Amino acid sequence: MSVYKNLQGLPSIKSLISLEHLNVSFCTKLNSIPDLAHLTKLKLLDVYGCNALEELDGVEQCISLVKLDASLCPNLKWGEGVVNKLLQ
């Protein structure tokens, strides 16, 4: 996705309820991904190398998520209890 490396934000994705795979890896200017809570069929979320990423809003509600790659995201902040919720 190097074509999108300058992507700074995403429009609302809450209507993409059937989405199973979201790959925004190496979007180094992307700072948040809103509305993840609505993506209940999301199985794979790849944010690898998103240096500016600070927030994955609602990721703990992605009940079908089996793989999350958030490597090389030094600014990513996890809300209280998010990691435990994802591990359940």
PDB file of N, CA and C in Angstrom:
ATOM      1  N   MET A   1       0.818  -1.200   0.000  1.00  0.00           N
ATOM      2  CA  MET A   1       0.000   0.000   0.000  1.00  0.00           C
ATOM      3  C   MET A   1       0.853   1.251   0.000  1.00  0.00           C
ATOM      4  N   SER A   2       2.042   1.179  -0.497  1.00  0.00           N
ATOM      5  CA  SER A   2       2.906   2.346  -0.505  1.00  0.00           C
ATOM      6  C   SER A   2       2.284   3.506  -1.274  1.00  0.00           C
ATOM      7  N   VAL A   3       1.325   3.224  -2.141  1.00  0.00           N
ATOM      8  CA  VAL A   3       0.625   4.265  -2.876  1.00  0.00           C
ATOM      9  C   VAL A   3      -0.078   5.210  -1.906  1.00  0.00           C
ATOM     10  N   TYR A   4      -0.496   4.686  -0.761  1.00  0.00           N
ATOM     11  CA  TYR A   4      -1.260   5.453   0.208  1.00  0.00           C
ATOM     12  C   TYR A   4      -0.428   5.903   1.401  1.00  0.00           C
ATOM     13  N   LYS A   5       0.858   5.933   1.266  1.00  0.00           N
ATOM     14  CA  LYS A   5       1.711   6.263   2.407  1.00  0.00           C
ATOM     15  C   LYS A   5       1.454   7.657   2.956  1.00  0.00           C
ATOM     16  N   ASN A   6       0.877   8.552   2.170  1.00  0.00           N
ATOM     17  CA  ASN A   6       0.575   9.904   2.629  1.00  0.00           C
ATOM     18  C   ASN A   6      -0.850  10.039   3.176  1.00  0.00           C
ATOM     19  N   LEU A   7      -1.564   8.932   3.258  1.00  0.00           N
ATOM     20  CA  LEU A   7      -2.920   8.944   3.796  1.00  0.00           C
ATOM     21  C   LEU A   7      -2.892   9.414   5.244  1.00  0.00           C
ATOM     22  N   GLN A   8      -3.649  10.460   5.548  1.00  0.00           N
ATOM     23  CA  GLN A   8      -3.640  11.019   6.900  1.00  0.00           C
ATOM     24  C   GLN A   8      -4.861  10.616   7.707  1.00  0.00           C
ATOM     25  N   GLY A   9      -5.936  10.243   7.046  1.00  0.00           N
ATOM     26  CA  GLY A   9      -7.153   9.863   7.748  1.00  0.00           C
ATOM     27  C   GLY A   9      -8.040   9.031   6.853  1.00  0.00           C
ATOM     28  N   LEU A  10      -8.964   8.341   7.490  1.00  0.00           N
ATOM     29  CA  LEU A  10      -9.936   7.539   6.756  1.00  0.00           C
ATOM     30  C   LEU A  10     -11.314   8.156   6.924  1.00  0.00           C
ATOM     31  N   PRO A  11     -12.145   8.082   5.900  1.00  0.00           N
ATOM     32  CA  PRO A  11     -13.532   8.503   6.097  1.00  0.00           C
ATOM     33  C   PRO A  11     -14.215   7.475   7.001  1.00  0.00           C
ATOM     34  N   SER A  12     -15.402   7.736   7.390  1.00  0.00           N
ATOM     35  CA  SER A  12     -16.125   6.796   8.243  1.00  0.00           C
ATOM     36  C   SER A  12     -16.217   5.445   7.535  1.00  0.00           C
ATOM     37  N   ILE A  13     -15.877   4.390   8.264  1.00  0.00           N
ATOM     38  CA  ILE A  13     -15.933   3.043   7.688  1.00  0.00           C
ATOM     39  C   ILE A  13     -17.021   2.211   8.354  1.00  0.00           C
ATOM     40  N   LYS A  14     -17.881   2.838   9.142  1.00  0.00           N
ATOM     41  CA  LYS A  14     -18.867   2.078   9.905  1.00  0.00           C
ATOM     42  C   LYS A  14     -19.904   1.373   9.041  1.00  0.00           C
ATOM     43  N   SER A  15     -20.072   1.783   7.801  1.00  0.00           N
ATOM     44  CA  SER A  15     -21.038   1.107   6.923  1.00  0.00           C
ATOM     45  C   SER A  15     -20.446  -0.125   6.243  1.00  0.00           C
ATOM     46  N   LEU A  16     -19.144  -0.369   6.428  1.00  0.00           N
ATOM     47  CA  LEU A  16     -18.481  -1.515   5.798  1.00  0.00           C
ATOM     48  C   LEU A  16     -18.585  -2.748   6.695  1.00  0.00           C
ATOM     49  N   ILE A  17     -19.805  -3.104   7.072  1.00  0.00           N
ATOM     50  CA  ILE A  17     -20.024  -4.140   8.082  1.00  0.00           C
ATOM     51  C   ILE A  17     -19.600  -5.529   7.629  1.00  0.00           C
ATOM     52  N   SER A  18     -19.418  -5.755   6.348  1.00  0.00           N
ATOM     53  CA  SER A  18     -18.991  -7.064   5.846  1.00  0.00           C
ATOM     54  C   SER A  18     -17.486  -7.151   5.619  1.00  0.00           C
ATOM     55  N   LEU A  19     -16.774  -6.070   5.882  1.00  0.00           N
ATOM     56  CA  LEU A  19     -15.328  -6.036   5.663  1.00  0.00           C
ATOM     57  C   LEU A  19     -14.627  -7.057   6.556  1.00  0.00           C
ATOM     58  N   GLU A  20     -13.766  -7.870   5.970  1.00  0.00           N
ATOM     59  CA  GLU A  20     -13.050  -8.901   6.716  1.00  0.00           C
ATOM     60  C   GLU A  20     -11.562  -8.621   6.858  1.00  0.00           C
ATOM     61  N   HIS A  21     -10.996  -7.812   5.993  1.00  0.00           N
ATOM     62  CA  HIS A  21      -9.556  -7.555   6.003  1.00  0.00           C
ATOM     63  C   HIS A  21      -9.319  -6.080   5.715  1.00  0.00           C
ATOM     64  N   LEU A  22      -8.619  -5.429   6.618  1.00  0.00           N
ATOM     65  CA  LEU A  22      -8.252  -4.030   6.423  1.00  0.00           C
ATOM     66  C   LEU A  22      -6.742  -3.907   6.557  1.00  0.00           C
ATOM     67  N   ASN A  23      -6.105  -3.476   5.494  1.00  0.00           N
ATOM     68  CA  ASN A  23      -4.654  -3.339   5.464  1.00  0.00           C
ATOM     69  C   ASN A  23      -4.300  -1.889   5.141  1.00  0.00           C
ATOM     70  N   VAL A  24      -3.779  -1.203   6.132  1.00  0.00           N
ATOM     71  CA  VAL A  24      -3.307   0.171   5.934  1.00  0.00           C
ATOM     72  C   VAL A  24      -1.829   0.265   6.320  1.00  0.00           C
ATOM     73  N   SER A  25      -1.131  -0.854   6.199  1.00  0.00           N
ATOM     74  CA  SER A  25       0.274  -0.897   6.605  1.00  0.00           C
ATOM     75  C   SER A  25       1.089   0.150   5.853  1.00  0.00           C
ATOM     76  N   PHE A  26       2.048   0.716   6.577  1.00  0.00           N
ATOM     77  CA  PHE A  26       2.970   1.740   6.085  1.00  0.00           C
ATOM     78  C   PHE A  26       2.296   3.038   5.656  1.00  0.00           C
ATOM     79  N   CYS A  27       1.084   3.284   6.142  1.00  0.00           N
ATOM     80  CA  CYS A  27       0.467   4.603   5.974  1.00  0.00           C
ATOM     81  C   CYS A  27       1.025   5.453   7.120  1.00  0.00           C
ATOM     82  N   THR A  28       2.205   5.969   6.925  1.00  0.00           N
ATOM     83  CA  THR A  28       2.988   6.563   8.009  1.00  0.00           C
ATOM     84  C   THR A  28       2.395   7.857   8.569  1.00  0.00           C
ATOM     85  N   LYS A  29       1.446   8.454   7.882  1.00  0.00           N
ATOM     86  CA  LYS A  29       0.837   9.694   8.373  1.00  0.00           C
ATOM     87  C   LYS A  29      -0.554   9.472   8.966  1.00  0.00           C
ATOM     88  N   LEU A  30      -1.054   8.271   8.889  1.00  0.00           N
ATOM     89  CA  LEU A  30      -2.376   7.936   9.428  1.00  0.00           C
ATOM     90  C   LEU A  30      -2.317   7.959  10.953  1.00  0.00           C
ATOM     91  N   ASN A  31      -3.188   8.754  11.594  1.00  0.00           N
ATOM     92  CA  ASN A  31      -3.113   8.849  13.057  1.00  0.00           C
ATOM     93  C   ASN A  31      -4.249   8.162  13.794  1.00  0.00           C
ATOM     94  N   SER A  32      -5.324   7.820  13.111  1.00  0.00           N
ATOM     95  CA  SER A  32      -6.394   7.076  13.768  1.00  0.00           C
ATOM     96  C   SER A  32      -7.250   6.352  12.734  1.00  0.00           C
ATOM     97  N   ILE A  33      -7.919   5.324  13.211  1.00  0.00           N
ATOM     98  CA  ILE A  33      -8.894   4.611  12.393  1.00  0.00           C
ATOM     99  C   ILE A  33     -10.193   4.625  13.195  1.00  0.00           C
ATOM    100  N   PRO A  34     -11.161   5.419  12.753  1.00  0.00           N
ATOM    101  CA  PRO A  34     -12.403   5.553  13.504  1.00  0.00           C
ATOM    102  C   PRO A  34     -13.393   4.427  13.191  1.00  0.00           C
ATOM    103  N   ASP A  35     -14.342   4.259  14.056  1.00  0.00           N
ATOM    104  CA  ASP A  35     -15.516   3.416  13.804  1.00  0.00           C
ATOM    105  C   ASP A  35     -15.240   1.927  13.671  1.00  0.00           C
ATOM    106  N   LEU A  36     -14.157   1.429  14.195  1.00  0.00           N
ATOM    107  CA  LEU A  36     -13.869  -0.003  14.083  1.00  0.00           C
ATOM    108  C   LEU A  36     -14.920  -0.865  14.785  1.00  0.00           C
ATOM    109  N   ALA A  37     -15.582  -0.327  15.765  1.00  0.00           N
ATOM    110  CA  ALA A  37     -16.574  -1.085  16.533  1.00  0.00           C
ATOM    111  C   ALA A  37     -17.687  -1.650  15.653  1.00  0.00           C
ATOM    112  N   HIS A  38     -17.940  -1.037  14.533  1.00  0.00           N
ATOM    113  CA  HIS A  38     -19.007  -1.483  13.636  1.00  0.00           C
ATOM    114  C   HIS A  38     -18.586  -2.643  12.736  1.00  0.00           C
ATOM    115  N   LEU A  39     -17.293  -2.941  12.692  1.00  0.00           N
ATOM    116  CA  LEU A  39     -16.775  -3.966  11.782  1.00  0.00           C
ATOM    117  C   LEU A  39     -16.710  -5.315  12.495  1.00  0.00           C
ATOM    118  N   THR A  40     -17.854  -5.872  12.791  1.00  0.00           N
ATOM    119  CA  THR A  40     -17.931  -7.103  13.577  1.00  0.00           C
ATOM    120  C   THR A  40     -17.473  -8.340  12.803  1.00  0.00           C
ATOM    121  N   LYS A  41     -17.312  -8.226  11.491  1.00  0.00           N
ATOM    122  CA  LYS A  41     -16.825  -9.361  10.686  1.00  0.00           C
ATOM    123  C   LYS A  41     -15.339  -9.238  10.346  1.00  0.00           C
ATOM    124  N   LEU A  42     -14.703  -8.185  10.830  1.00  0.00           N
ATOM    125  CA  LEU A  42     -13.286  -7.961  10.553  1.00  0.00           C
ATOM    126  C   LEU A  42     -12.448  -9.068  11.190  1.00  0.00           C
ATOM    127  N   LYS A  43     -11.677  -9.755  10.366  1.00  0.00           N
ATOM    128  CA  LYS A  43     -10.833 -10.859  10.837  1.00  0.00           C
ATOM    129  C   LYS A  43      -9.367 -10.465  10.926  1.00  0.00           C
ATOM    130  N   LEU A  44      -8.909  -9.595  10.032  1.00  0.00           N
ATOM    131  CA  LEU A  44      -7.503  -9.218   9.992  1.00  0.00           C
ATOM    132  C   LEU A  44      -7.376  -7.710   9.884  1.00  0.00           C
ATOM    133  N   LEU A  45      -6.622  -7.137  10.792  1.00  0.00           N
ATOM    134  CA  LEU A  45      -6.343  -5.709  10.767  1.00  0.00           C
ATOM    135  C   LEU A  45      -4.834  -5.525  10.754  1.00  0.00           C
ATOM    136  N   ASP A  46      -4.335  -4.934   9.689  1.00  0.00           N
ATOM    137  CA  ASP A  46      -2.894  -4.752   9.513  1.00  0.00           C
ATOM    138  C   ASP A  46      -2.576  -3.260   9.494  1.00  0.00           C
ATOM    139  N   VAL A  47      -1.961  -2.791  10.579  1.00  0.00           N
ATOM    140  CA  VAL A  47      -1.554  -1.388  10.683  1.00  0.00           C
ATOM    141  C   VAL A  47      -0.038  -1.281  10.827  1.00  0.00           C
ATOM    142  N   TYR A  48       0.661  -2.323  10.432  1.00  0.00           N
ATOM    143  CA  TYR A  48       2.113  -2.426  10.523  1.00  0.00           C
ATOM    144  C   TYR A  48       2.788  -1.187   9.934  1.00  0.00           C
ATOM    145  N   GLY A  49       3.677  -0.579  10.699  1.00  0.00           N
ATOM    146  CA  GLY A  49       4.465   0.536  10.189  1.00  0.00           C
ATOM    147  C   GLY A  49       3.739   1.860  10.106  1.00  0.00           C
ATOM    148  N   CYS A  50       2.597   1.969  10.763  1.00  0.00           N
ATOM    149  CA  CYS A  50       1.871   3.244  10.781  1.00  0.00           C
ATOM    150  C   CYS A  50       2.424   4.086  11.926  1.00  0.00           C
ATOM    151  N   ASN A  51       3.508   4.761  11.663  1.00  0.00           N
ATOM    152  CA  ASN A  51       4.271   5.485  12.682  1.00  0.00           C
ATOM    153  C   ASN A  51       3.462   6.508  13.462  1.00  0.00           C
ATOM    154  N   ALA A  52       2.532   7.188  12.813  1.00  0.00           N
ATOM    155  CA  ALA A  52       1.772   8.248  13.466  1.00  0.00           C
ATOM    156  C   ALA A  52       0.490   7.740  14.130  1.00  0.00           C
ATOM    157  N   LEU A  53       0.171   6.477  13.939  1.00  0.00           N
ATOM    158  CA  LEU A  53      -1.084   5.938  14.460  1.00  0.00           C
ATOM    159  C   LEU A  53      -1.121   6.025  15.981  1.00  0.00           C
ATOM    160  N   GLU A  54      -2.167   6.644  16.498  1.00  0.00           N
ATOM    161  CA  GLU A  54      -2.321   6.826  17.936  1.00  0.00           C
ATOM    162  C   GLU A  54      -3.513   6.063  18.496  1.00  0.00           C
ATOM    163  N   GLU A  55      -4.495   5.773  17.650  1.00  0.00           N
ATOM    164  CA  GLU A  55      -5.736   5.218  18.164  1.00  0.00           C
ATOM    165  C   GLU A  55      -6.398   4.261  17.173  1.00  0.00           C
ATOM    166  N   LEU A  56      -6.911   3.168  17.724  1.00  0.00           N
ATOM    167  CA  LEU A  56      -7.744   2.224  16.968  1.00  0.00           C
ATOM    168  C   LEU A  56      -9.108   2.213  17.661  1.00  0.00           C
ATOM    169  N   ASP A  57      -9.903   3.196  17.342  1.00  0.00           N
ATOM    170  CA  ASP A  57     -11.172   3.425  18.025  1.00  0.00           C
ATOM    171  C   ASP A  57     -12.146   2.259  17.858  1.00  0.00           C
ATOM    172  N   GLY A  58     -12.449   1.583  18.956  1.00  0.00           N
ATOM    173  CA  GLY A  58     -13.426   0.506  18.949  1.00  0.00           C
ATOM    174  C   GLY A  58     -12.897  -0.851  18.555  1.00  0.00           C
ATOM    175  N   VAL A  59     -11.596  -1.021  18.442  1.00  0.00           N
ATOM    176  CA  VAL A  59     -11.033  -2.298  17.999  1.00  0.00           C
ATOM    177  C   VAL A  59     -11.444  -3.448  18.925  1.00  0.00           C
ATOM    178  N   GLU A  60     -11.664  -3.159  20.198  1.00  0.00           N
ATOM    179  CA  GLU A  60     -12.045  -4.218  21.134  1.00  0.00           C
ATOM    180  C   GLU A  60     -13.429  -4.787  20.839  1.00  0.00           C
ATOM    181  N   GLN A  61     -14.198  -4.115  19.993  1.00  0.00           N
ATOM    182  CA  GLN A  61     -15.528  -4.590  19.613  1.00  0.00           C
ATOM    183  C   GLN A  61     -15.505  -5.453  18.346  1.00  0.00           C
ATOM    184  N   CYS A  62     -14.355  -5.606  17.746  1.00  0.00           N
ATOM    185  CA  CYS A  62     -14.214  -6.434  16.534  1.00  0.00           C
ATOM    186  C   CYS A  62     -14.176  -7.897  16.970  1.00  0.00           C
ATOM    187  N   ILE A  63     -15.338  -8.479  17.153  1.00  0.00           N
ATOM    188  CA  ILE A  63     -15.455  -9.803  17.766  1.00  0.00           C
ATOM    189  C   ILE A  63     -14.925 -10.935  16.892  1.00  0.00           C
ATOM    190  N   SER A  64     -14.755 -10.713  15.610  1.00  0.00           N
ATOM    191  CA  SER A  64     -14.246 -11.750  14.709  1.00  0.00           C
ATOM    192  C   SER A  64     -12.742 -11.640  14.468  1.00  0.00           C
ATOM    193  N   LEU A  65     -12.111 -10.644  15.056  1.00  0.00           N
ATOM    194  CA  LEU A  65     -10.694 -10.380  14.811  1.00  0.00           C
ATOM    195  C   LEU A  65      -9.818 -11.545  15.283  1.00  0.00           C
ATOM    196  N   VAL A  66      -9.031 -12.072  14.359  1.00  0.00           N
ATOM    197  CA  VAL A  66      -8.115 -13.167  14.704  1.00  0.00           C
ATOM    198  C   VAL A  66      -6.657 -12.748  14.573  1.00  0.00           C
ATOM    199  N   LYS A  67      -6.399 -11.670  13.819  1.00  0.00           N
ATOM    200  CA  LYS A  67      -5.024 -11.200  13.687  1.00  0.00           C
ATOM    201  C   LYS A  67      -5.003  -9.681  13.634  1.00  0.00           C
ATOM    202  N   LEU A  68      -4.164  -9.126  14.488  1.00  0.00           N
ATOM    203  CA  LEU A  68      -3.925  -7.693  14.519  1.00  0.00           C
ATOM    204  C   LEU A  68      -2.423  -7.491  14.499  1.00  0.00           C
ATOM    205  N   ASP A  69      -1.921  -6.861  13.440  1.00  0.00           N
ATOM    206  CA  ASP A  69      -0.495  -6.567  13.369  1.00  0.00           C
ATOM    207  C   ASP A  69      -0.307  -5.068  13.553  1.00  0.00           C
ATOM    208  N   ALA A  70       0.137  -4.701  14.747  1.00  0.00           N
ATOM    209  CA  ALA A  70       0.389  -3.304  15.072  1.00  0.00           C
ATOM    210  C   ALA A  70       1.872  -3.079  15.348  1.00  0.00           C
ATOM    211  N   SER A  71       2.692  -3.888  14.713  1.00  0.00           N
ATOM    212  CA  SER A  71       4.149  -3.732  14.861  1.00  0.00           C
ATOM    213  C   SER A  71       4.585  -2.397  14.268  1.00  0.00           C
ATOM    214  N   LEU A  72       5.618  -1.831  14.861  1.00  0.00           N
ATOM    215  CA  LEU A  72       6.190  -0.564  14.398  1.00  0.00           C
ATOM    216  C   LEU A  72       5.170   0.583  14.410  1.00  0.00           C
ATOM    217  N   CYS A  73       4.351   0.594  15.447  1.00  0.00           N
ATOM    218  CA  CYS A  73       3.403   1.682  15.687  1.00  0.00           C
ATOM    219  C   CYS A  73       3.728   2.288  17.050  1.00  0.00           C
ATOM    220  N   PRO A  74       4.821   3.047  17.145  1.00  0.00           N
ATOM    221  CA  PRO A  74       5.313   3.493  18.446  1.00  0.00           C
ATOM    222  C   PRO A  74       4.390   4.452  19.182  1.00  0.00           C
ATOM    223  N   ASN A  75       3.483   5.101  18.490  1.00  0.00           N
ATOM    224  CA  ASN A  75       2.608   6.087  19.127  1.00  0.00           C
ATOM    225  C   ASN A  75       1.229   5.543  19.476  1.00  0.00           C
ATOM    226  N   LEU A  76       0.997   4.277  19.178  1.00  0.00           N
ATOM    227  CA  LEU A  76      -0.312   3.678  19.423  1.00  0.00           C
ATOM    228  C   LEU A  76      -0.565   3.565  20.924  1.00  0.00           C
ATOM    229  N   LYS A  77      -1.698   4.103  21.349  1.00  0.00           N
ATOM    230  CA  LYS A  77      -2.086   4.064  22.759  1.00  0.00           C
ATOM    231  C   LYS A  77      -3.270   3.106  22.895  1.00  0.00           C
ATOM    232  N   TRP A  78      -3.146   2.186  23.838  1.00  0.00           N
ATOM    233  CA  TRP A  78      -4.217   1.223  24.083  1.00  0.00           C
ATOM    234  C   TRP A  78      -5.036   1.703  25.260  1.00  0.00           C
ATOM    235  N   GLY A  79      -6.339   1.797  25.090  1.00  0.00           N
ATOM    236  CA  GLY A  79      -7.213   2.186  26.190  1.00  0.00           C
ATOM    237  C   GLY A  79      -7.219   1.114  27.263  1.00  0.00           C
ATOM    238  N   GLU A  80      -7.672   1.488  28.425  1.00  0.00           N
ATOM    239  CA  GLU A  80      -7.708   0.572  29.558  1.00  0.00           C
ATOM    240  C   GLU A  80      -8.568  -0.653  29.240  1.00  0.00           C
ATOM    241  N   GLY A  81      -8.000  -1.816  29.374  1.00  0.00           N
ATOM    242  CA  GLY A  81      -8.725  -3.065  29.168  1.00  0.00           C
ATOM    243  C   GLY A  81      -8.835  -3.543  27.734  1.00  0.00           C
ATOM    244  N   VAL A  82      -8.345  -2.772  26.789  1.00  0.00           N
ATOM    245  CA  VAL A  82      -8.473  -3.140  25.377  1.00  0.00           C
ATOM    246  C   VAL A  82      -7.715  -4.431  25.073  1.00  0.00           C
ATOM    247  N   VAL A  83      -6.484  -4.522  25.509  1.00  0.00           N
ATOM    248  CA  VAL A  83      -5.678  -5.702  25.209  1.00  0.00           C
ATOM    249  C   VAL A  83      -6.318  -6.955  25.830  1.00  0.00           C
ATOM    250  N   ASN A  84      -6.774  -6.860  27.062  1.00  0.00           N
ATOM    251  CA  ASN A  84      -7.431  -8.011  27.691  1.00  0.00           C
ATOM    252  C   ASN A  84      -8.682  -8.422  26.942  1.00  0.00           C
ATOM    253  N   LYS A  85      -9.454  -7.469  26.479  1.00  0.00           N
ATOM    254  CA  LYS A  85     -10.680  -7.746  25.705  1.00  0.00           C
ATOM    255  C   LYS A  85     -10.333  -8.450  24.401  1.00  0.00           C
ATOM    256  N   LEU A  86      -9.260  -8.029  23.742  1.00  0.00           N
ATOM    257  CA  LEU A  86      -8.857  -8.638  22.475  1.00  0.00           C
ATOM    258  C   LEU A  86      -8.376 -10.068  22.674  1.00  0.00           C
ATOM    259  N   LEU A  87      -7.802 -10.362  23.818  1.00  0.00           N
ATOM    260  CA  LEU A  87      -7.260 -11.708  24.081  1.00  0.00           C
ATOM    261  C   LEU A  87      -8.342 -12.714  24.469  1.00  0.00           C
ATOM    262  N   GLN A  88      -9.549 -12.253  24.730  1.00  0.00           N
ATOM    263  CA  GLN A  88     -10.634 -13.170  25.131  1.00  0.00           C
ATOM    264  C   GLN A  88     -11.141 -13.956  23.951  1.00  0.00           C
TER     265      GLN A  88
END
